[in-house]
Amino acid sequence: MGAYLFFIIPMLIISMFVQWKFRSKFSKYAEMQLNSGFSGKEVAEKMLHDNGIYDVRVMNADGQLTDHYNPEDKTVNLSTDVYYGRSVAAAAVAAHECGHAVQHTKSYHWLQFRSSMVPVVSISSNLLQWVLIIGILLIGFTGNPVVLGIGVIGLAIITIFSFITLPVEFDASKRALIWLKNNHKVMYTEEENAQAKDALWWAAMTYVVAALGALSNLLYYASMLFGRNRD
């Protein structure tokens, strides 16, 4: 339990802080109306067209913070607040998701690598909890480390996936911010650009924390596995 507290609790506290900060920033900039009056949908469509992309649809997705790009059906899915919103936050998020569409069009290697891992990660995530529970019970009662070892491999895959996600997200934000800065019809002022950059930075931090959290989880179970083996 001491090892669990050492690995997990600090990351949980940091994660809660970053999530709170991100939501706080998003709420703040959602109140900052764009001087241009563009909606998130209009920002997305303009960025796609400016990059020569005409085969990607901009869709309204139910829920909050459900924004994502789907490379399988080539859709930019924007939450209702972003799709209809005419704020700095809406513009920043819409442009970021279009950044992924640009990555897809340009065959950005990290996005391709991440997409290739999705099926494996999906299977690992669905089964992992039970594998770890069974593995811990087996190693505790019989000393057999095989199942826990499989669980640690699954955690390693998820951890790798989390770290591969980082360059994908940072690059999408970089593409979005460069485009926004160069499109004065969308964002008139340096202040709006600075606000968009701040919002996307805190969004990126949620992925950093998620990756570090996955690493902490991996190290905890790996220490349990290899520590037991040494005994």
Protein backbone atom coordinates (compact mmCIF):
# COMPACT_ATOMS: atom_id res chain seq x y z
CA MET A 1 0.00 0.00 0.00
CA GLY A 2 2.92 2.33 0.72
CA ALA A 3 4.20 1.87 -2.83
CA TYR A 4 0.72 2.51 -4.18
CA LEU A 5 0.53 5.80 -2.29
CA PHE A 6 4.00 6.76 -3.52
CA PHE A 7 3.20 6.13 -7.18
CA ILE A 8 -0.48 6.97 -7.52
CA ILE A 9 -1.60 9.58 -5.01
CA PRO A 10 0.72 12.42 -6.17
CA MET A 11 -0.37 11.89 -9.78
CA LEU A 12 -4.01 11.89 -8.72
CA ILE A 13 -3.59 15.26 -7.01
CA ILE A 14 -1.74 16.74 -10.00
CA SER A 15 -4.36 15.34 -12.39
CA MET A 16 -7.22 16.87 -10.42
CA PHE A 17 -5.45 20.25 -10.41
CA VAL A 18 -4.75 20.19 -14.15
CA GLN A 19 -8.31 19.11 -14.98
CA TRP A 20 -9.68 21.89 -12.79
CA LYS A 21 -7.34 24.44 -14.37
CA PHE A 22 -8.25 23.33 -17.89
CA ARG A 23 -12.00 23.50 -17.23
CA SER A 24 -11.53 26.87 -15.55
CA LYS A 25 -9.62 28.25 -18.53
CA PHE A 26 -12.13 26.82 -21.00
CA SER A 27 -15.04 28.39 -19.09
CA LYS A 28 -13.22 31.73 -18.93
CA TYR A 29 -12.40 31.86 -22.63
CA ALA A 30 -15.85 30.55 -23.56
CA GLU A 31 -17.09 33.90 -22.24
CA MET A 32 -14.64 35.82 -24.45
CA GLN A 33 -16.55 36.45 -27.67
CA LEU A 34 -14.56 36.56 -30.92
CA ASN A 35 -14.47 39.98 -32.48
CA SER A 36 -14.89 38.32 -35.87
CA GLY A 37 -18.10 36.58 -34.79
CA PHE A 38 -17.05 33.24 -36.31
CA SER A 39 -18.66 30.13 -34.84
CA GLY A 40 -16.63 27.01 -34.06
CA LYS A 41 -18.21 25.32 -37.10
CA GLU A 42 -17.20 28.22 -39.35
CA VAL A 43 -13.67 28.28 -37.95
CA ALA A 44 -13.32 24.54 -38.59
CA GLU A 45 -14.62 24.75 -42.14
CA LYS A 46 -12.37 27.70 -42.99
CA MET A 47 -9.26 26.01 -41.59
CA LEU A 48 -10.02 22.82 -43.50
CA HIS A 49 -10.58 24.68 -46.76
CA ASP A 50 -7.50 26.86 -46.25
CA ASN A 51 -5.51 23.62 -46.05
CA GLY A 52 -7.09 22.24 -49.20
CA ILE A 53 -9.26 19.74 -47.33
CA TYR A 54 -12.79 19.38 -48.71
CA ASP A 55 -13.60 15.74 -47.89
CA VAL A 56 -13.86 16.20 -44.10
CA ARG A 57 -17.26 16.99 -42.58
CA VAL A 58 -17.73 19.17 -39.49
CA MET A 59 -20.30 17.56 -37.20
CA ASN A 60 -22.05 18.45 -33.96
CA ALA A 61 -21.32 15.92 -31.19
CA ASP A 62 -23.49 15.63 -28.09
CA GLY A 63 -22.03 16.37 -24.66
CA GLN A 64 -19.34 18.65 -23.26
CA LEU A 65 -15.64 18.41 -24.14
CA THR A 66 -16.47 15.61 -26.60
CA ASP A 67 -14.52 17.26 -29.41
CA HIS A 68 -12.46 14.90 -31.55
CA TYR A 69 -11.37 14.07 -35.08
CA ASN A 70 -12.34 10.67 -36.44
CA PRO A 71 -9.91 9.55 -39.16
CA GLU A 72 -12.07 6.54 -40.11
CA ASP A 73 -15.03 8.55 -41.41
CA LYS A 74 -13.13 11.83 -41.82
CA THR A 75 -15.25 13.94 -39.49
CA VAL A 76 -14.37 16.78 -37.15
CA ASN A 77 -16.79 16.32 -34.25
CA LEU A 78 -17.40 19.42 -32.15
CA SER A 79 -19.34 19.56 -28.88
CA THR A 80 -22.43 21.77 -28.96
CA ASP A 81 -20.75 24.65 -27.10
CA VAL A 82 -17.87 24.62 -29.59
CA TYR A 83 -19.93 23.96 -32.73
CA TYR A 84 -22.29 26.89 -32.15
CA GLY A 85 -20.06 28.97 -29.88
CA ARG A 86 -18.52 32.21 -31.12
CA SER A 87 -15.85 32.48 -28.45
CA VAL A 88 -12.07 32.26 -28.23
CA ALA A 89 -12.38 28.83 -26.63
CA ALA A 90 -14.65 27.55 -29.40
CA ALA A 91 -12.28 28.80 -32.09
CA ALA A 92 -9.23 27.30 -30.37
CA VAL A 93 -10.81 23.87 -29.91
CA ALA A 94 -12.26 23.80 -33.44
CA ALA A 95 -8.89 24.73 -34.94
CA HIS A 96 -7.12 22.11 -32.80
CA GLU A 97 -9.40 19.32 -34.01
CA CYS A 98 -8.85 20.46 -37.58
CA GLY A 99 -5.14 20.24 -36.83
CA HIS A 100 -5.67 16.48 -36.57
CA ALA A 101 -7.43 16.47 -39.94
CA VAL A 102 -4.42 18.25 -41.43
CA GLN A 103 -2.13 15.66 -39.82
CA HIS A 104 -4.20 12.90 -41.38
CA THR A 105 -4.09 14.51 -44.82
CA LYS A 106 -0.33 15.01 -44.61
CA SER A 107 0.23 11.45 -43.25
CA TYR A 108 1.79 12.74 -40.05
CA HIS A 109 3.77 9.72 -38.81
CA TRP A 110 2.91 10.00 -35.12
CA LEU A 111 -0.82 10.09 -35.90
CA GLN A 112 -0.45 7.03 -38.14
CA PHE A 113 1.47 5.18 -35.42
CA ARG A 114 -1.13 6.13 -32.81
CA SER A 115 -4.04 5.08 -35.05
CA SER A 116 -2.41 1.69 -35.69
CA MET A 117 -2.29 1.08 -31.92
CA VAL A 118 -5.95 1.91 -31.25
CA PRO A 119 -7.36 -1.64 -31.74
CA VAL A 120 -4.72 -3.19 -29.45
CA VAL A 121 -5.15 -0.50 -26.80
CA SER A 122 -8.93 -0.87 -26.93
CA ILE A 123 -8.71 -4.62 -26.24
CA SER A 124 -6.08 -4.10 -23.52
CA SER A 125 -8.14 -1.43 -21.77
CA ASN A 126 -11.28 -3.57 -21.71
CA LEU A 127 -9.59 -6.63 -20.21
CA LEU A 128 -6.81 -5.09 -18.17
CA GLN A 129 -8.62 -4.53 -14.88
CA TRP A 130 -9.64 -8.18 -14.59
CA VAL A 131 -6.22 -9.43 -15.67
CA LEU A 132 -4.53 -7.35 -12.97
CA ILE A 133 -6.96 -8.48 -10.26
CA ILE A 134 -6.55 -12.14 -11.19
CA GLY A 135 -2.79 -11.69 -11.52
CA ILE A 136 -2.48 -10.17 -8.05
CA LEU A 137 -4.57 -12.99 -6.52
CA LEU A 138 -2.54 -15.68 -8.28
CA ILE A 139 0.82 -14.24 -7.36
CA GLY A 140 -0.37 -13.81 -3.77
CA PHE A 141 -1.78 -17.31 -3.28
CA THR A 142 0.30 -19.44 -5.65
CA GLY A 143 3.33 -17.29 -6.48
CA ASN A 144 2.59 -17.66 -10.20
CA PRO A 145 3.56 -14.36 -11.89
CA VAL A 146 2.40 -15.15 -15.45
CA VAL A 147 -1.02 -13.45 -15.40
CA LEU A 148 0.30 -10.36 -13.62
CA GLY A 149 3.11 -10.27 -16.17
CA ILE A 150 0.50 -10.19 -18.96
CA GLY A 151 -1.21 -7.33 -17.12
CA VAL A 152 2.06 -5.40 -16.91
CA ILE A 153 2.58 -5.88 -20.66
CA GLY A 154 -0.93 -4.48 -21.21
CA LEU A 155 -0.11 -1.49 -19.01
CA ALA A 156 3.12 -0.96 -20.97
CA ILE A 157 1.14 -0.84 -24.22
CA ILE A 158 -1.26 1.73 -22.78
CA THR A 159 1.65 3.77 -21.44
CA ILE A 160 3.38 3.79 -24.82
CA PHE A 161 0.10 4.83 -26.43
CA SER A 162 -0.28 7.69 -23.92
CA PHE A 163 3.20 9.02 -24.69
CA ILE A 164 2.70 8.68 -28.45
CA THR A 165 -0.44 10.79 -28.03
CA LEU A 166 1.64 13.73 -26.75
CA PRO A 167 3.39 14.74 -30.01
CA VAL A 168 0.08 14.23 -31.85
CA GLU A 169 -1.74 16.65 -29.55
CA PHE A 170 1.05 19.22 -29.33
CA ASP A 171 1.49 19.24 -33.10
CA ALA A 172 -2.27 19.70 -33.67
CA SER A 173 -2.26 22.68 -31.30
CA LYS A 174 0.81 24.12 -33.02
CA ARG A 175 -0.87 23.88 -36.42
CA ALA A 176 -4.04 25.45 -35.01
CA LEU A 177 -2.24 28.38 -33.38
CA ILE A 178 -0.14 29.16 -36.46
CA TRP A 179 -3.26 29.14 -38.62
CA LEU A 180 -5.22 31.32 -36.18
CA LYS A 181 -2.36 33.81 -35.90
CA ASN A 182 -2.15 34.13 -39.69
CA ASN A 183 -5.90 34.51 -40.18
CA HIS A 184 -6.89 37.96 -38.99
CA LYS A 185 -10.37 37.46 -40.38
CA VAL A 186 -10.90 34.87 -37.63
CA MET A 187 -8.85 36.38 -34.81
CA TYR A 188 -8.33 40.11 -34.94
CA THR A 189 -6.07 40.71 -31.94
CA GLU A 190 -2.92 39.41 -30.27
CA GLU A 191 -4.95 39.14 -27.06
CA GLU A 192 -7.29 36.61 -28.65
CA ASN A 193 -4.34 34.62 -29.93
CA ALA A 194 -2.74 34.62 -26.47
CA GLN A 195 -6.00 33.41 -24.93
CA ALA A 196 -6.30 30.62 -27.50
CA LYS A 197 -2.71 29.57 -26.82
CA ASP A 198 -3.36 29.49 -23.07
CA ALA A 199 -6.51 27.37 -23.49
CA LEU A 200 -4.76 24.84 -25.75
CA TRP A 201 -1.72 24.67 -23.46
CA TRP A 202 -3.83 23.59 -20.51
CA ALA A 203 -5.69 21.12 -22.72
CA ALA A 204 -2.31 19.63 -23.68
CA MET A 205 -1.34 19.38 -20.01
CA THR A 206 -4.24 16.97 -19.43
CA TYR A 207 -2.58 14.58 -21.88
CA VAL A 208 0.80 15.02 -20.20
CA VAL A 209 -0.70 14.17 -16.82
CA ALA A 210 -2.53 11.17 -18.31
CA ALA A 211 0.76 9.86 -19.74
CA LEU A 212 2.59 10.32 -16.45
CA GLY A 213 -0.29 8.68 -14.61
CA ALA A 214 -0.11 5.68 -16.94
CA LEU A 215 3.64 5.48 -16.32
CA SER A 216 3.14 5.63 -12.55
CA ASN A 217 0.57 2.84 -12.76
CA LEU A 218 2.94 0.74 -14.84
CA LEU A 219 5.84 1.27 -12.42
CA TYR A 220 3.67 0.30 -9.45
CA TYR A 221 2.52 -3.03 -10.92
CA ALA A 222 5.96 -3.71 -12.40
CA SER A 223 7.54 -3.22 -8.95
CA MET A 224 4.97 -5.66 -7.53
CA LEU A 225 5.78 -8.22 -10.24
CA PHE A 226 9.57 -8.00 -10.22
CA GLY A 227 9.80 -7.47 -6.47
CA ARG A 228 7.87 -10.69 -5.96
CA ASN A 229 10.08 -12.49 -8.45
CA ARG A 230 13.19 -11.44 -6.52
CA ASP A 231 11.65 -12.83 -3.33
